[in-house]
Amino acid sequence: MPVNPWLAVTGGTAGPGYAARFAELEREGQDLHGEARRVDALVREKLGRPGDVLDAGCGTGRVAIRLAQLGHRVVGVDLDASMLDEARASAPELDWRLVDLVELRLDRTVDAVVAAGNLWPLLTPGTHAEVVGGLARHLRPGGLLVAGFGLDGEHVPFTLPDGVGFPTLADYDAAAAAAGLELVTRSADWAGEEPYRDGGYVVSVHTREGHL
């Protein structure tokens, strides 16, 4: 299997620096919880209460930890041990799992999957459709897949390895459709307020057919 772009770029050692950078942003008063706020609102709109959420590519746990603070039952999954070490240090009581998403097999389904942090362009080449299909299978009927990612080098703060191109939004939509997901809404921001007009960053909300 090809090397994962994230691990190729970072060497699997980015956790401490990544955590320190977001800690500094928090000290500066920046809002770090837009993704969690959006997912929380979407799940509560569906269920009328907190739900079960999978944070796919959870990194240092920023989104998952905030969702847990808001009352959701969360599992965070990442393939970078250095990132998960930071997540476990911050919230040892939560369910953190070291696994490539292409191999993910939870023992339960969830109400929502959040994929933030540019997960889509950083998946291992050749696994994109398989990963989306696996995430869809972890959704209960009516569950939501909420994904935000950059589509070009200007909107992804990493240089992809030589020979690795950016997967397109059309690729993502095709993978979602093949997985039985339907598009609910799409925006250019996590607040869901700025309409998406073919820009370099997109947030998509898909649902699995059925009712929660």
N, C-alpha and C. Protein backbone atom coordinates (compact mmCIF):
# COMPACT_ATOMS: atom_id res chain seq x y z
N MET A 1 0.85 -1.20 0.00
CA MET A 1 0.00 0.00 0.00
C MET A 1 0.88 1.25 0.00
N PRO A 2 0.51 2.30 -0.74
CA PRO A 2 1.30 3.53 -0.75
C PRO A 2 1.40 4.14 0.65
N VAL A 3 2.41 4.97 0.83
CA VAL A 3 2.60 5.64 2.12
C VAL A 3 1.52 6.69 2.31
N ASN A 4 1.01 6.79 3.53
CA ASN A 4 0.02 7.81 3.84
C ASN A 4 0.65 9.20 3.76
N PRO A 5 0.01 10.16 3.07
CA PRO A 5 0.60 11.50 2.91
C PRO A 5 0.88 12.20 4.24
N TRP A 6 0.00 12.08 5.21
CA TRP A 6 0.22 12.73 6.50
C TRP A 6 1.48 12.19 7.17
N LEU A 7 1.62 10.88 7.19
CA LEU A 7 2.79 10.28 7.82
C LEU A 7 4.05 10.58 7.02
N ALA A 8 3.92 10.65 5.70
CA ALA A 8 5.07 10.98 4.87
C ALA A 8 5.55 12.40 5.13
N VAL A 9 4.62 13.33 5.33
CA VAL A 9 4.97 14.73 5.54
C VAL A 9 5.50 14.96 6.95
N THR A 10 4.89 14.34 7.94
CA THR A 10 5.20 14.63 9.35
C THR A 10 6.14 13.62 9.99
N GLY A 11 6.30 12.46 9.38
CA GLY A 11 7.10 11.42 10.00
C GLY A 11 6.44 10.80 11.22
N GLY A 12 5.17 11.08 11.43
CA GLY A 12 4.46 10.53 12.58
C GLY A 12 4.92 11.10 13.90
N THR A 13 5.45 12.32 13.89
CA THR A 13 5.97 12.93 15.12
C THR A 13 5.37 14.31 15.38
N ALA A 14 4.27 14.64 14.73
CA ALA A 14 3.73 16.01 14.77
C ALA A 14 2.93 16.32 16.02
N GLY A 15 2.58 15.30 16.81
CA GLY A 15 1.66 15.50 17.92
C GLY A 15 2.01 16.64 18.86
N PRO A 16 3.20 16.63 19.47
CA PRO A 16 3.52 17.69 20.43
C PRO A 16 3.46 19.09 19.84
N GLY A 17 4.01 19.27 18.65
CA GLY A 17 3.99 20.60 18.03
C GLY A 17 2.59 21.03 17.67
N TYR A 18 1.81 20.09 17.20
CA TYR A 18 0.43 20.39 16.82
C TYR A 18 -0.38 20.82 18.04
N ALA A 19 -0.23 20.08 19.13
CA ALA A 19 -0.95 20.42 20.36
C ALA A 19 -0.50 21.78 20.89
N ALA A 20 0.80 22.06 20.82
CA ALA A 20 1.31 23.34 21.32
C ALA A 20 0.78 24.50 20.50
N ARG A 21 0.68 24.30 19.20
CA ARG A 21 0.19 25.38 18.33
C ARG A 21 -1.25 25.74 18.66
N PHE A 22 -2.11 24.73 18.85
CA PHE A 22 -3.51 25.02 19.18
C PHE A 22 -3.66 25.56 20.59
N ALA A 23 -2.79 25.14 21.50
CA ALA A 23 -2.83 25.71 22.85
C ALA A 23 -2.50 27.20 22.81
N GLU A 24 -1.56 27.58 21.97
CA GLU A 24 -1.21 28.99 21.83
C GLU A 24 -2.36 29.77 21.21
N LEU A 25 -3.01 29.21 20.20
CA LEU A 25 -4.16 29.88 19.61
C LEU A 25 -5.28 30.08 20.63
N GLU A 26 -5.47 29.09 21.49
CA GLU A 26 -6.50 29.22 22.53
C GLU A 26 -6.13 30.32 23.52
N ARG A 27 -4.85 30.40 23.88
CA ARG A 27 -4.42 31.47 24.80
C ARG A 27 -4.61 32.85 24.18
N GLU A 28 -4.52 32.91 22.86
CA GLU A 28 -4.73 34.18 22.16
C GLU A 28 -6.21 34.52 22.01
N GLY A 29 -7.08 33.62 22.47
CA GLY A 29 -8.51 33.88 22.43
C GLY A 29 -9.21 33.48 21.15
N GLN A 30 -8.54 32.70 20.31
CA GLN A 30 -9.18 32.29 19.05
C GLN A 30 -10.21 31.18 19.31
N ASP A 31 -11.26 31.20 18.52
CA ASP A 31 -12.32 30.20 18.62
C ASP A 31 -11.86 28.93 17.91
N LEU A 32 -11.70 27.85 18.68
CA LEU A 32 -11.22 26.59 18.14
C LEU A 32 -12.32 25.54 18.02
N HIS A 33 -13.56 25.92 18.25
CA HIS A 33 -14.60 24.92 18.39
C HIS A 33 -15.70 25.00 17.34
N GLY A 34 -15.40 25.60 16.20
CA GLY A 34 -16.42 25.73 15.17
C GLY A 34 -16.91 24.38 14.65
N GLU A 35 -16.00 23.44 14.45
CA GLU A 35 -16.39 22.14 13.94
C GLU A 35 -17.30 21.41 14.93
N ALA A 36 -16.89 21.41 16.19
CA ALA A 36 -17.68 20.72 17.21
C ALA A 36 -19.05 21.38 17.38
N ARG A 37 -19.07 22.71 17.32
CA ARG A 37 -20.34 23.43 17.47
C ARG A 37 -21.31 23.04 16.36
N ARG A 38 -20.80 22.92 15.13
CA ARG A 38 -21.66 22.57 14.00
C ARG A 38 -22.19 21.15 14.15
N VAL A 39 -21.31 20.21 14.49
CA VAL A 39 -21.74 18.82 14.64
C VAL A 39 -22.74 18.69 15.77
N ASP A 40 -22.48 19.37 16.88
CA ASP A 40 -23.40 19.35 18.01
C ASP A 40 -24.78 19.83 17.59
N ALA A 41 -24.83 20.92 16.85
CA ALA A 41 -26.12 21.47 16.42
C ALA A 41 -26.84 20.51 15.47
N LEU A 42 -26.11 19.90 14.55
CA LEU A 42 -26.73 18.98 13.60
C LEU A 42 -27.29 17.74 14.29
N VAL A 43 -26.53 17.20 15.23
CA VAL A 43 -26.99 16.00 15.93
C VAL A 43 -28.20 16.32 16.81
N ARG A 44 -28.15 17.43 17.50
CA ARG A 44 -29.30 17.80 18.35
C ARG A 44 -30.54 18.09 17.51
N GLU A 45 -30.34 18.66 16.33
CA GLU A 45 -31.49 18.91 15.45
C GLU A 45 -32.12 17.58 15.04
N LYS A 46 -31.30 16.57 14.81
CA LYS A 46 -31.80 15.25 14.41
C LYS A 46 -32.45 14.51 15.58
N LEU A 47 -31.76 14.51 16.73
CA LEU A 47 -32.14 13.64 17.84
C LEU A 47 -32.87 14.34 18.97
N GLY A 48 -32.67 15.64 19.09
CA GLY A 48 -33.19 16.35 20.25
C GLY A 48 -32.36 16.14 21.49
N ARG A 49 -31.16 15.62 21.33
CA ARG A 49 -30.26 15.31 22.46
C ARG A 49 -28.87 15.03 21.90
N PRO A 50 -27.86 14.91 22.78
CA PRO A 50 -26.54 14.47 22.29
C PRO A 50 -26.61 13.05 21.75
N GLY A 51 -25.61 12.67 20.96
CA GLY A 51 -25.61 11.35 20.35
C GLY A 51 -24.25 10.69 20.38
N ASP A 52 -24.11 9.63 19.62
CA ASP A 52 -22.85 8.92 19.45
C ASP A 52 -22.13 9.48 18.23
N VAL A 53 -20.88 9.89 18.41
CA VAL A 53 -20.13 10.54 17.33
C VAL A 53 -18.77 9.88 17.17
N LEU A 54 -18.40 9.61 15.93
CA LEU A 54 -17.06 9.15 15.57
C LEU A 54 -16.29 10.32 14.99
N ASP A 55 -15.14 10.64 15.59
CA ASP A 55 -14.24 11.64 15.05
C ASP A 55 -13.19 10.91 14.23
N ALA A 56 -13.31 10.96 12.92
CA ALA A 56 -12.44 10.23 12.00
C ALA A 56 -11.24 11.09 11.64
N GLY A 57 -10.05 10.65 12.03
CA GLY A 57 -8.86 11.47 11.88
C GLY A 57 -8.84 12.52 12.97
N CYS A 58 -8.97 12.07 14.22
CA CYS A 58 -9.20 12.99 15.35
C CYS A 58 -7.97 13.79 15.74
N GLY A 59 -6.78 13.38 15.31
CA GLY A 59 -5.58 14.13 15.67
C GLY A 59 -5.38 14.20 17.17
N THR A 60 -5.13 15.39 17.67
CA THR A 60 -4.88 15.58 19.10
C THR A 60 -6.17 15.66 19.91
N GLY A 61 -7.30 15.48 19.27
CA GLY A 61 -8.56 15.35 20.00
C GLY A 61 -9.34 16.61 20.22
N ARG A 62 -8.95 17.70 19.59
CA ARG A 62 -9.61 18.99 19.84
C ARG A 62 -11.12 18.92 19.63
N VAL A 63 -11.55 18.37 18.51
CA VAL A 63 -12.99 18.31 18.20
C VAL A 63 -13.69 17.29 19.07
N ALA A 64 -13.10 16.12 19.21
CA ALA A 64 -13.73 15.06 20.00
C ALA A 64 -13.90 15.46 21.46
N ILE A 65 -12.89 16.09 22.02
CA ILE A 65 -12.96 16.49 23.43
C ILE A 65 -14.06 17.51 23.64
N ARG A 66 -14.18 18.46 22.73
CA ARG A 66 -15.24 19.46 22.86
C ARG A 66 -16.62 18.82 22.72
N LEU A 67 -16.77 17.88 21.80
CA LEU A 67 -18.05 17.19 21.65
C LEU A 67 -18.39 16.42 22.92
N ALA A 68 -17.41 15.79 23.53
CA ALA A 68 -17.67 15.09 24.79
C ALA A 68 -18.10 16.06 25.87
N GLN A 69 -17.47 17.23 25.91
CA GLN A 69 -17.87 18.25 26.89
C GLN A 69 -19.31 18.70 26.67
N LEU A 70 -19.77 18.63 25.44
CA LEU A 70 -21.14 19.01 25.10
C LEU A 70 -22.14 17.88 25.32
N GLY A 71 -21.64 16.73 25.79
CA GLY A 71 -22.53 15.65 26.17
C GLY A 71 -22.57 14.47 25.25
N HIS A 72 -21.83 14.49 24.15
CA HIS A 72 -21.87 13.39 23.19
C HIS A 72 -20.96 12.24 23.65
N ARG A 73 -21.31 11.05 23.24
CA ARG A 73 -20.47 9.87 23.44
C ARG A 73 -19.57 9.77 22.22
N VAL A 74 -18.26 9.87 22.43
CA VAL A 74 -17.33 10.07 21.32
C VAL A 74 -16.28 8.97 21.29
N VAL A 75 -15.93 8.55 20.07
CA VAL A 75 -14.73 7.74 19.85
C VAL A 75 -13.88 8.47 18.83
N GLY A 76 -12.59 8.60 19.13
CA GLY A 76 -11.66 9.27 18.23
C GLY A 76 -10.69 8.27 17.63
N VAL A 77 -10.50 8.37 16.31
CA VAL A 77 -9.65 7.42 15.58
C VAL A 77 -8.60 8.19 14.78
N ASP A 78 -7.36 7.73 14.84
CA ASP A 78 -6.30 8.34 14.04
C ASP A 78 -5.22 7.30 13.80
N LEU A 79 -4.41 7.51 12.73
CA LEU A 79 -3.32 6.57 12.45
C LEU A 79 -1.97 7.07 12.94
N ASP A 80 -1.95 8.28 13.54
CA ASP A 80 -0.70 8.88 14.03
C ASP A 80 -0.63 8.74 15.55
N ALA A 81 0.26 7.88 16.03
CA ALA A 81 0.36 7.62 17.47
C ALA A 81 0.76 8.87 18.24
N SER A 82 1.58 9.74 17.63
CA SER A 82 2.02 10.94 18.34
C SER A 82 0.85 11.90 18.58
N MET A 83 -0.10 11.93 17.65
CA MET A 83 -1.28 12.78 17.83
C MET A 83 -2.19 12.18 18.90
N LEU A 84 -2.38 10.87 18.85
CA LEU A 84 -3.24 10.23 19.86
C LEU A 84 -2.64 10.31 21.25
N ASP A 85 -1.33 10.31 21.37
CA ASP A 85 -0.71 10.48 22.68
C ASP A 85 -1.15 11.80 23.31
N GLU A 86 -1.23 12.85 22.50
CA GLU A 86 -1.67 14.15 23.00
C GLU A 86 -3.15 14.11 23.38
N ALA A 87 -3.95 13.43 22.55
CA ALA A 87 -5.38 13.32 22.85
C ALA A 87 -5.59 12.58 24.17
N ARG A 88 -4.88 11.47 24.35
CA ARG A 88 -5.03 10.69 25.59
C ARG A 88 -4.57 11.48 26.80
N ALA A 89 -3.52 12.27 26.64
CA ALA A 89 -3.04 13.07 27.76
C ALA A 89 -4.06 14.12 28.15
N SER A 90 -4.77 14.66 27.17
CA SER A 90 -5.76 15.70 27.45
C SER A 90 -7.06 15.14 27.99
N ALA A 91 -7.45 13.95 27.54
CA ALA A 91 -8.74 13.36 27.95
C ALA A 91 -8.59 11.84 28.01
N PRO A 92 -7.92 11.33 29.04
CA PRO A 92 -7.68 9.88 29.11
C PRO A 92 -8.95 9.06 29.28
N GLU A 93 -10.04 9.69 29.66
CA GLU A 93 -11.29 8.97 29.89
C GLU A 93 -12.03 8.66 28.59
N LEU A 94 -11.63 9.27 27.48
CA LEU A 94 -12.34 9.06 26.22
C LEU A 94 -11.79 7.85 25.47
N ASP A 95 -12.52 7.41 24.48
CA ASP A 95 -12.19 6.22 23.69
C ASP A 95 -11.35 6.65 22.48
N TRP A 96 -10.03 6.41 22.55
CA TRP A 96 -9.12 6.75 21.47
C TRP A 96 -8.59 5.46 20.84
N ARG A 97 -8.57 5.40 19.50
CA ARG A 97 -8.15 4.18 18.83
C ARG A 97 -7.13 4.49 17.73
N LEU A 98 -6.02 3.79 17.78
CA LEU A 98 -4.96 3.93 16.78
C LEU A 98 -5.22 2.93 15.66
N VAL A 99 -5.70 3.44 14.52
CA VAL A 99 -6.01 2.55 13.40
C VAL A 99 -6.17 3.40 12.13
N ASP A 100 -5.74 2.86 11.01
CA ASP A 100 -6.01 3.48 9.72
C ASP A 100 -7.50 3.33 9.44
N LEU A 101 -8.13 4.37 8.96
CA LEU A 101 -9.57 4.33 8.74
C LEU A 101 -9.99 3.26 7.75
N VAL A 102 -9.11 2.88 6.85
CA VAL A 102 -9.46 1.83 5.90
C VAL A 102 -9.65 0.49 6.61
N GLU A 103 -9.10 0.37 7.81
CA GLU A 103 -9.20 -0.87 8.58
C GLU A 103 -10.15 -0.75 9.77
N LEU A 104 -10.84 0.37 9.90
CA LEU A 104 -11.68 0.62 11.07
C LEU A 104 -12.88 -0.31 11.12
N ARG A 105 -13.04 -0.96 12.25
CA ARG A 105 -14.21 -1.81 12.50
C ARG A 105 -14.65 -1.57 13.95
N LEU A 106 -15.53 -0.60 14.16
CA LEU A 106 -16.06 -0.38 15.50
C LEU A 106 -17.04 -1.49 15.85
N ASP A 107 -17.31 -1.62 17.13
CA ASP A 107 -18.28 -2.62 17.59
C ASP A 107 -19.68 -2.03 17.69
N ARG A 108 -19.89 -0.86 17.11
CA ARG A 108 -21.19 -0.21 17.17
C ARG A 108 -21.30 0.79 16.03
N THR A 109 -22.53 1.24 15.79
CA THR A 109 -22.76 2.31 14.84
C THR A 109 -22.96 3.61 15.59
N VAL A 110 -22.94 4.73 14.85
CA VAL A 110 -22.99 6.05 15.48
C VAL A 110 -24.03 6.92 14.77
N ASP A 111 -24.36 8.01 15.43
CA ASP A 111 -25.32 8.96 14.87
C ASP A 111 -24.66 9.92 13.89
N ALA A 112 -23.37 10.16 14.07
CA ALA A 112 -22.67 11.10 13.20
C ALA A 112 -21.19 10.76 13.14
N VAL A 113 -20.60 11.04 11.99
CA VAL A 113 -19.15 10.99 11.81
C VAL A 113 -18.70 12.39 11.43
N VAL A 114 -17.68 12.89 12.12
CA VAL A 114 -17.08 14.16 11.74
C VAL A 114 -15.69 13.87 11.19
N ALA A 115 -15.38 14.47 10.05
CA ALA A 115 -14.07 14.34 9.42
C ALA A 115 -13.57 15.74 9.14
N ALA A 116 -12.85 16.29 10.09
CA ALA A 116 -12.30 17.63 9.96
C ALA A 116 -10.79 17.51 9.70
N GLY A 117 -10.09 18.63 9.79
CA GLY A 117 -8.64 18.56 9.71
C GLY A 117 -8.10 18.07 8.38
N ASN A 118 -8.80 18.32 7.29
CA ASN A 118 -8.33 17.94 5.95
C ASN A 118 -8.11 16.44 5.80
N LEU A 119 -8.99 15.67 6.41
CA LEU A 119 -8.86 14.21 6.31
C LEU A 119 -8.87 13.74 4.85
N TRP A 120 -9.79 14.23 4.04
CA TRP A 120 -9.98 13.72 2.68
C TRP A 120 -8.70 13.78 1.84
N PRO A 121 -8.02 14.92 1.72
CA PRO A 121 -6.81 14.93 0.89
C PRO A 121 -5.63 14.19 1.51
N LEU A 122 -5.69 13.89 2.81
CA LEU A 122 -4.56 13.24 3.48
C LEU A 122 -4.75 11.74 3.64
N LEU A 123 -5.80 11.18 3.07
CA LEU A 123 -5.97 9.73 3.09
C LEU A 123 -4.92 9.07 2.19
N THR A 124 -4.61 7.83 2.51
CA THR A 124 -3.65 7.08 1.69
C THR A 124 -4.18 6.95 0.27
N PRO A 125 -3.36 7.28 -0.73
CA PRO A 125 -3.82 7.17 -2.13
C PRO A 125 -4.40 5.80 -2.43
N GLY A 126 -5.53 5.82 -3.11
CA GLY A 126 -6.20 4.59 -3.49
C GLY A 126 -7.22 4.09 -2.48
N THR A 127 -7.30 4.75 -1.31
CA THR A 127 -8.23 4.28 -0.27
C THR A 127 -9.42 5.20 -0.08
N HIS A 128 -9.51 6.27 -0.83
CA HIS A 128 -10.51 7.30 -0.53
C HIS A 128 -11.94 6.76 -0.55
N ALA A 129 -12.32 6.09 -1.62
CA ALA A 129 -13.68 5.58 -1.71
C ALA A 129 -13.93 4.50 -0.66
N GLU A 130 -12.92 3.70 -0.40
CA GLU A 130 -13.07 2.65 0.61
C GLU A 130 -13.28 3.24 2.00
N VAL A 131 -12.55 4.30 2.32
CA VAL A 131 -12.71 4.94 3.63
C VAL A 131 -14.10 5.54 3.77
N VAL A 132 -14.57 6.25 2.75
CA VAL A 132 -15.91 6.84 2.83
C VAL A 132 -16.96 5.75 2.98
N GLY A 133 -16.78 4.65 2.25
CA GLY A 133 -17.71 3.53 2.39
C GLY A 133 -17.71 2.96 3.80
N GLY A 134 -16.53 2.85 4.39
CA GLY A 134 -16.44 2.34 5.76
C GLY A 134 -17.08 3.28 6.77
N LEU A 135 -16.87 4.57 6.59
CA LEU A 135 -17.51 5.53 7.49
C LEU A 135 -19.03 5.46 7.36
N ALA A 136 -19.51 5.33 6.13
CA ALA A 136 -20.95 5.23 5.92
C ALA A 136 -21.53 4.00 6.60
N ARG A 137 -20.80 2.89 6.58
CA ARG A 137 -21.29 1.66 7.22
C ARG A 137 -21.35 1.80 8.74
N HIS A 138 -20.61 2.73 9.29
CA HIS A 138 -20.66 2.95 10.73
C HIS A 138 -21.79 3.88 11.14
N LEU A 139 -22.51 4.44 10.17
CA LEU A 139 -23.63 5.32 10.47
C LEU A 139 -24.93 4.54 10.64
N ARG A 140 -25.70 4.92 11.62
CA ARG A 140 -27.06 4.41 11.72
C ARG A 140 -27.91 5.02 10.59
N PRO A 141 -29.00 4.37 10.20
CA PRO A 141 -29.89 4.99 9.22
C PRO A 141 -30.29 6.41 9.66
N GLY A 142 -30.14 7.36 8.77
CA GLY A 142 -30.41 8.74 9.11
C GLY A 142 -29.22 9.46 9.70
N GLY A 143 -28.12 8.74 9.92
CA GLY A 143 -26.93 9.35 10.50
C GLY A 143 -26.24 10.30 9.53
N LEU A 144 -25.34 11.11 10.05
CA LEU A 144 -24.72 12.19 9.28
C LEU A 144 -23.22 12.01 9.16
N LEU A 145 -22.70 12.27 7.97
CA LEU A 145 -21.27 12.39 7.75
C LEU A 145 -20.98 13.86 7.46
N VAL A 146 -20.19 14.49 8.34
CA VAL A 146 -19.89 15.91 8.23
C VAL A 146 -18.39 16.04 7.98
N ALA A 147 -18.03 16.51 6.80
CA ALA A 147 -16.62 16.55 6.41
C ALA A 147 -16.24 17.91 5.87
N GLY A 148 -15.13 18.44 6.36
CA GLY A 148 -14.60 19.70 5.85
C GLY A 148 -13.16 19.52 5.43
N PHE A 149 -12.82 20.02 4.25
CA PHE A 149 -11.45 19.82 3.77
C PHE A 149 -11.11 20.81 2.66
N GLY A 150 -9.80 21.03 2.50
CA GLY A 150 -9.30 21.85 1.42
C GLY A 150 -9.17 21.05 0.14
N LEU A 151 -9.23 21.76 -0.97
CA LEU A 151 -9.18 21.14 -2.28
C LEU A 151 -7.94 21.52 -3.07
N ASP A 152 -7.06 22.33 -2.47
CA ASP A 152 -5.84 22.75 -3.17
C ASP A 152 -4.79 23.14 -2.14
N GLY A 153 -3.60 23.43 -2.63
CA GLY A 153 -2.49 23.73 -1.74
C GLY A 153 -2.68 24.99 -0.93
N GLU A 154 -3.50 25.90 -1.39
CA GLU A 154 -3.75 27.13 -0.64
C GLU A 154 -4.57 26.87 0.62
N HIS A 155 -5.38 25.81 0.60
CA HIS A 155 -6.30 25.55 1.70
C HIS A 155 -5.94 24.31 2.51
N VAL A 156 -4.84 23.68 2.20
CA VAL A 156 -4.31 22.57 3.00
C VAL A 156 -2.91 22.96 3.44
N PRO A 157 -2.67 23.07 4.74
CA PRO A 157 -1.38 23.61 5.21
C PRO A 157 -0.25 22.59 5.19
N PHE A 158 -0.24 21.72 4.21
CA PHE A 158 0.82 20.74 4.05
C PHE A 158 1.09 20.57 2.56
N THR A 159 2.33 20.36 2.22
CA THR A 159 2.68 20.03 0.86
C THR A 159 2.60 18.52 0.70
N LEU A 160 1.74 18.07 -0.18
CA LEU A 160 1.59 16.63 -0.39
C LEU A 160 2.86 16.07 -1.02
N PRO A 161 3.15 14.81 -0.75
CA PRO A 161 4.35 14.20 -1.33
C PRO A 161 4.31 14.22 -2.85
N ASP A 162 5.49 14.15 -3.46
CA ASP A 162 5.58 14.12 -4.91
C ASP A 162 4.72 12.99 -5.48
N GLY A 163 3.98 13.31 -6.50
CA GLY A 163 3.16 12.30 -7.15
C GLY A 163 1.79 12.11 -6.55
N VAL A 164 1.50 12.78 -5.44
CA VAL A 164 0.19 12.68 -4.79
C VAL A 164 -0.61 13.93 -5.10
N GLY A 165 -1.70 13.77 -5.81
CA GLY A 165 -2.53 14.91 -6.16
C GLY A 165 -3.69 15.10 -5.20
N PHE A 166 -4.35 16.23 -5.31
CA PHE A 166 -5.50 16.50 -4.47
C PHE A 166 -6.73 15.79 -5.03
N PRO A 167 -7.37 14.95 -4.25
CA PRO A 167 -8.64 14.37 -4.69
C PRO A 167 -9.68 15.48 -4.80
N THR A 168 -10.55 15.38 -5.76
CA THR A 168 -11.49 16.46 -6.04
C THR A 168 -12.78 16.31 -5.23
N LEU A 169 -13.57 17.38 -5.25
CA LEU A 169 -14.89 17.32 -4.63
C LEU A 169 -15.78 16.34 -5.38
N ALA A 170 -15.63 16.27 -6.70
CA ALA A 170 -16.39 15.29 -7.47
C ALA A 170 -16.03 13.87 -7.06
N ASP A 171 -14.76 13.63 -6.75
CA ASP A 171 -14.35 12.32 -6.24
C ASP A 171 -15.05 12.01 -4.93
N TYR A 172 -15.11 13.01 -4.05
CA TYR A 172 -15.76 12.82 -2.76
C TYR A 172 -17.24 12.52 -2.93
N ASP A 173 -17.89 13.29 -3.77
CA ASP A 173 -19.33 13.08 -4.00
C ASP A 173 -19.59 11.70 -4.61
N ALA A 174 -18.72 11.28 -5.50
CA ALA A 174 -18.89 9.95 -6.10
C ALA A 174 -18.72 8.86 -5.06
N ALA A 175 -17.75 9.01 -4.19
CA ALA A 175 -17.55 8.03 -3.12
C ALA A 175 -18.73 8.00 -2.17
N ALA A 176 -19.26 9.18 -1.84
CA ALA A 176 -20.41 9.26 -0.96
C ALA A 176 -21.64 8.61 -1.59
N ALA A 177 -21.86 8.88 -2.85
CA ALA A 177 -23.01 8.30 -3.54
C ALA A 177 -22.88 6.78 -3.61
N ALA A 178 -21.68 6.29 -3.90
CA ALA A 178 -21.46 4.84 -3.96
C ALA A 178 -21.69 4.18 -2.61
N ALA A 179 -21.49 4.95 -1.54
CA ALA A 179 -21.68 4.43 -0.19
C ALA A 179 -23.12 4.57 0.29
N GLY A 180 -24.02 5.06 -0.56
CA GLY A 180 -25.42 5.21 -0.20
C GLY A 180 -25.73 6.45 0.60
N LEU A 181 -24.88 7.47 0.47
CA LEU A 181 -25.09 8.72 1.20
C LEU A 181 -25.70 9.77 0.28
N GLU A 182 -26.53 10.63 0.86
CA GLU A 182 -27.16 11.71 0.12
C GLU A 182 -26.72 13.06 0.69
N LEU A 183 -26.44 14.02 -0.19
CA LEU A 183 -26.02 15.34 0.25
C LEU A 183 -27.20 16.09 0.86
N VAL A 184 -26.98 16.62 2.07
CA VAL A 184 -27.99 17.41 2.77
C VAL A 184 -27.75 18.89 2.55
N THR A 185 -26.51 19.32 2.77
CA THR A 185 -26.17 20.73 2.62
C THR A 185 -24.67 20.86 2.44
N ARG A 186 -24.26 21.98 1.88
CA ARG A 186 -22.83 22.21 1.62
C ARG A 186 -22.56 23.70 1.81
N SER A 187 -21.43 24.00 2.43
CA SER A 187 -21.06 25.39 2.66
C SER A 187 -19.57 25.56 2.52
N ALA A 188 -19.12 26.80 2.58
CA ALA A 188 -17.70 27.10 2.50
C ALA A 188 -17.08 27.32 3.87
N ASP A 189 -17.87 27.11 4.92
CA ASP A 189 -17.37 27.32 6.28
C ASP A 189 -18.07 26.36 7.23
N TRP A 190 -17.47 26.21 8.42
CA TRP A 190 -18.04 25.28 9.41
C TRP A 190 -19.30 25.82 10.07
N ALA A 191 -19.50 27.11 10.01
CA ALA A 191 -20.73 27.67 10.58
C ALA A 191 -21.94 27.35 9.72
N GLY A 192 -21.71 26.96 8.48
CA GLY A 192 -22.82 26.67 7.57
C GLY A 192 -23.50 27.90 7.04
N GLU A 193 -22.80 29.03 7.09
CA GLU A 193 -23.41 30.30 6.70
C GLU A 193 -22.97 30.79 5.33
N GLU A 194 -21.75 30.48 4.94
CA GLU A 194 -21.23 30.96 3.66
C GLU A 194 -21.49 29.93 2.57
N PRO A 195 -22.28 30.26 1.57
CA PRO A 195 -22.56 29.29 0.50
C PRO A 195 -21.28 28.85 -0.21
N TYR A 196 -21.25 27.59 -0.58
CA TYR A 196 -20.09 27.10 -1.32
C TYR A 196 -20.25 27.44 -2.80
N ARG A 197 -19.24 28.12 -3.35
CA ARG A 197 -19.28 28.53 -4.76
C ARG A 197 -17.98 28.13 -5.45
N ASP A 198 -17.68 26.86 -5.41
CA ASP A 198 -16.51 26.32 -6.12
C ASP A 198 -15.20 26.87 -5.59
N GLY A 199 -15.13 27.18 -4.31
CA GLY A 199 -13.89 27.65 -3.71
C GLY A 199 -12.97 26.50 -3.32
N GLY A 200 -11.91 26.84 -2.60
CA GLY A 200 -10.90 25.86 -2.25
C GLY A 200 -11.13 25.14 -0.95
N TYR A 201 -12.17 25.50 -0.21
CA TYR A 201 -12.50 24.80 1.04
C TYR A 201 -13.99 24.54 1.08
N VAL A 202 -14.36 23.34 1.52
CA VAL A 202 -15.77 22.95 1.49
C VAL A 202 -16.11 22.14 2.73
N VAL A 203 -17.32 22.34 3.23
CA VAL A 203 -17.87 21.52 4.32
C VAL A 203 -19.16 20.90 3.80
N SER A 204 -19.21 19.58 3.79
CA SER A 204 -20.36 18.85 3.26
C SER A 204 -21.02 18.03 4.35
N VAL A 205 -22.34 18.02 4.34
CA VAL A 205 -23.12 17.19 5.25
C VAL A 205 -23.90 16.20 4.42
N HIS A 206 -23.59 14.92 4.58
CA HIS A 206 -24.32 13.84 3.90
C HIS A 206 -25.08 13.01 4.94
N THR A 207 -26.13 12.34 4.51
CA THR A 207 -26.88 11.48 5.40
C THR A 207 -27.01 10.09 4.80
N ARG A 208 -27.07 9.11 5.69
CA ARG A 208 -27.37 7.75 5.25
C ARG A 208 -28.88 7.60 5.21
N GLU A 209 -29.39 6.93 4.22
CA GLU A 209 -30.84 6.79 4.06
C GLU A 209 -31.46 6.15 5.29
N GLY A 210 -32.65 6.60 5.63
CA GLY A 210 -33.37 6.07 6.79
C GLY A 210 -33.62 7.15 7.81
N HIS A 211 -34.11 6.74 8.96
CA HIS A 211 -34.45 7.69 10.02
C HIS A 211 -33.85 7.22 11.34
N LEU A 212 -33.29 8.20 12.06
CA LEU A 212 -32.76 7.91 13.39
C LEU A 212 -33.89 7.71 14.36
